[in-house]
Amino acid sequence: MLVHRKYRERGLARALVTRIVNIARAWAWRRWKREFIGEQQAAIKMFALLGFSNLVRLENYVKDMQAVAHDYVLMGLE
């Protein structure tokens, strides 16, 4: 999920993710997983506040289009 820079820090992403998780729970989905690169600290923090926990963090595991390495973070919610 990406919120345009102009609309960030207004709680939009959190509201959308919360709504999506609630819909999934109503459909009896049991597990959620979300992938990040380590630099996405704001998103990682928001998902942690929503109950997601760190499952895996692999240092320098993925490379972007400029071949710059980034940490891989996998979070989950049961």
C-alpha atoms as a PDB file:
ATOM      1  CA  MET A   1       0.000   0.000   0.000  1.00  0.00           C
ATOM      2  CA  LEU A   2       1.313   3.398  -0.906  1.00  0.00           C
ATOM      3  CA  VAL A   3      -0.131   6.716   0.129  1.00  0.00           C
ATOM      4  CA  HIS A   4       0.796   9.738  -1.966  1.00  0.00           C
ATOM      5  CA  ARG A   5       3.316  11.937  -0.205  1.00  0.00           C
ATOM      6  CA  LYS A   6       0.808  14.805  -0.110  1.00  0.00           C
ATOM      7  CA  TYR A   7      -1.640  12.722   1.979  1.00  0.00           C
ATOM      8  CA  ARG A   8       0.721  10.948   4.384  1.00  0.00           C
ATOM      9  CA  GLU A   9       0.574  11.173   8.176  1.00  0.00           C
ATOM     10  CA  ARG A  10      -3.223  11.426   8.180  1.00  0.00           C
ATOM     11  CA  GLY A  11      -3.933   7.825   9.171  1.00  0.00           C
ATOM     12  CA  LEU A  12      -5.118   6.759   5.707  1.00  0.00           C
ATOM     13  CA  ALA A  13      -2.906   3.690   5.370  1.00  0.00           C
ATOM     14  CA  ARG A  14      -3.710   2.559   8.891  1.00  0.00           C
ATOM     15  CA  ALA A  15      -7.455   2.961   8.291  1.00  0.00           C
ATOM     16  CA  LEU A  16      -7.290   1.021   5.023  1.00  0.00           C
ATOM     17  CA  VAL A  17      -5.186  -1.810   6.426  1.00  0.00           C
ATOM     18  CA  THR A  18      -7.422  -2.056   9.497  1.00  0.00           C
ATOM     19  CA  ARG A  19     -10.497  -2.304   7.282  1.00  0.00           C
ATOM     20  CA  ILE A  20      -8.883  -4.949   5.057  1.00  0.00           C
ATOM     21  CA  VAL A  21      -7.848  -7.036   8.076  1.00  0.00           C
ATOM     22  CA  ASN A  22     -11.367  -6.806   9.525  1.00  0.00           C
ATOM     23  CA  ILE A  23     -12.885  -7.956   6.226  1.00  0.00           C
ATOM     24  CA  ALA A  24     -10.427 -10.853   6.061  1.00  0.00           C
ATOM     25  CA  ARG A  25     -11.288 -11.891   9.609  1.00  0.00           C
ATOM     26  CA  ALA A  26     -14.981 -11.862   8.681  1.00  0.00           C
ATOM     27  CA  TRP A  27     -14.099 -14.271   5.865  1.00  0.00           C
ATOM     28  CA  ALA A  28     -12.244 -16.456   8.410  1.00  0.00           C
ATOM     29  CA  TRP A  29      -8.781 -15.825   6.995  1.00  0.00           C
ATOM     30  CA  ARG A  30      -6.346 -16.958   9.650  1.00  0.00           C
ATOM     31  CA  ARG A  31      -2.978 -15.622   8.559  1.00  0.00           C
ATOM     32  CA  TRP A  32      -1.640 -12.475   7.022  1.00  0.00           C
ATOM     33  CA  LYS A  33       1.892 -11.848   5.810  1.00  0.00           C
ATOM     34  CA  ARG A  34       3.483  -8.637   4.602  1.00  0.00           C
ATOM     35  CA  GLU A  35       6.905  -8.079   3.049  1.00  0.00           C
ATOM     36  CA  PHE A  36       9.036  -4.961   3.385  1.00  0.00           C
ATOM     37  CA  ILE A  37      12.518  -3.725   2.760  1.00  0.00           C
ATOM     38  CA  GLY A  38      14.298  -2.578   5.885  1.00  0.00           C
ATOM     39  CA  GLU A  39      14.134   1.100   4.985  1.00  0.00           C
ATOM     40  CA  GLN A  40      10.321   1.118   5.170  1.00  0.00           C
ATOM     41  CA  GLN A  41      10.418   1.884   8.893  1.00  0.00           C
ATOM     42  CA  ALA A  42       7.175   3.879   8.975  1.00  0.00           C
ATOM     43  CA  ALA A  43       5.250   1.019   7.359  1.00  0.00           C
ATOM     44  CA  ILE A  44       6.909  -1.587   9.589  1.00  0.00           C
ATOM     45  CA  LYS A  45       6.000   0.461  12.668  1.00  0.00           C
ATOM     46  CA  MET A  46       2.386   0.885  11.520  1.00  0.00           C
ATOM     47  CA  PHE A  47       1.946  -2.850  10.872  1.00  0.00           C
ATOM     48  CA  ALA A  48       3.503  -3.627  14.279  1.00  0.00           C
ATOM     49  CA  LEU A  49       0.979  -1.295  15.910  1.00  0.00           C
ATOM     50  CA  LEU A  50      -1.774  -3.269  14.146  1.00  0.00           C
ATOM     51  CA  GLY A  51      -0.532  -6.515  15.706  1.00  0.00           C
ATOM     52  CA  PHE A  52       1.838  -7.829  13.039  1.00  0.00           C
ATOM     53  CA  SER A  53       5.031  -9.388  14.377  1.00  0.00           C
ATOM     54  CA  ASN A  54       8.450  -9.835  12.808  1.00  0.00           C
ATOM     55  CA  LEU A  55       8.849 -13.312  11.362  1.00  0.00           C
ATOM     56  CA  VAL A  56      12.089 -12.921   9.402  1.00  0.00           C
ATOM     57  CA  ARG A  57      14.711 -10.257   8.771  1.00  0.00           C
ATOM     58  CA  LEU A  58      17.437 -11.055   6.273  1.00  0.00           C
ATOM     59  CA  GLU A  59      20.217  -8.501   5.948  1.00  0.00           C
ATOM     60  CA  ASN A  60      21.120  -7.339   2.432  1.00  0.00           C
ATOM     61  CA  TYR A  61      18.853 -10.001   0.930  1.00  0.00           C
ATOM     62  CA  VAL A  62      17.213  -8.081  -1.928  1.00  0.00           C
ATOM     63  CA  LYS A  63      18.618  -5.687  -4.517  1.00  0.00           C
ATOM     64  CA  ASP A  64      16.792  -2.846  -6.188  1.00  0.00           C
ATOM     65  CA  MET A  65      17.028  -1.865  -9.860  1.00  0.00           C
ATOM     66  CA  GLN A  66      20.303  -0.011  -9.156  1.00  0.00           C
ATOM     67  CA  ALA A  67      21.784  -3.163  -7.520  1.00  0.00           C
ATOM     68  CA  VAL A  68      21.680  -1.599  -4.034  1.00  0.00           C
ATOM     69  CA  ALA A  69      21.159  -4.234  -1.341  1.00  0.00           C
ATOM     70  CA  HIS A  70      18.364  -3.912   1.211  1.00  0.00           C
ATOM     71  CA  ASP A  71      17.214  -5.934   4.191  1.00  0.00           C
ATOM     72  CA  TYR A  72      14.174  -8.157   3.665  1.00  0.00           C
ATOM     73  CA  VAL A  73      11.534  -8.063   6.423  1.00  0.00           C
ATOM     74  CA  LEU A  74       8.607 -10.467   6.676  1.00  0.00           C
ATOM     75  CA  MET A  75       5.840  -9.713   9.181  1.00  0.00           C
ATOM     76  CA  GLY A  76       2.805 -11.781  10.021  1.00  0.00           C
ATOM     77  CA  LEU A  77      -0.510 -11.648  11.828  1.00  0.00           C
ATOM     78  CA  GLU A  78      -2.365 -14.691  13.121  1.00  0.00           C
END
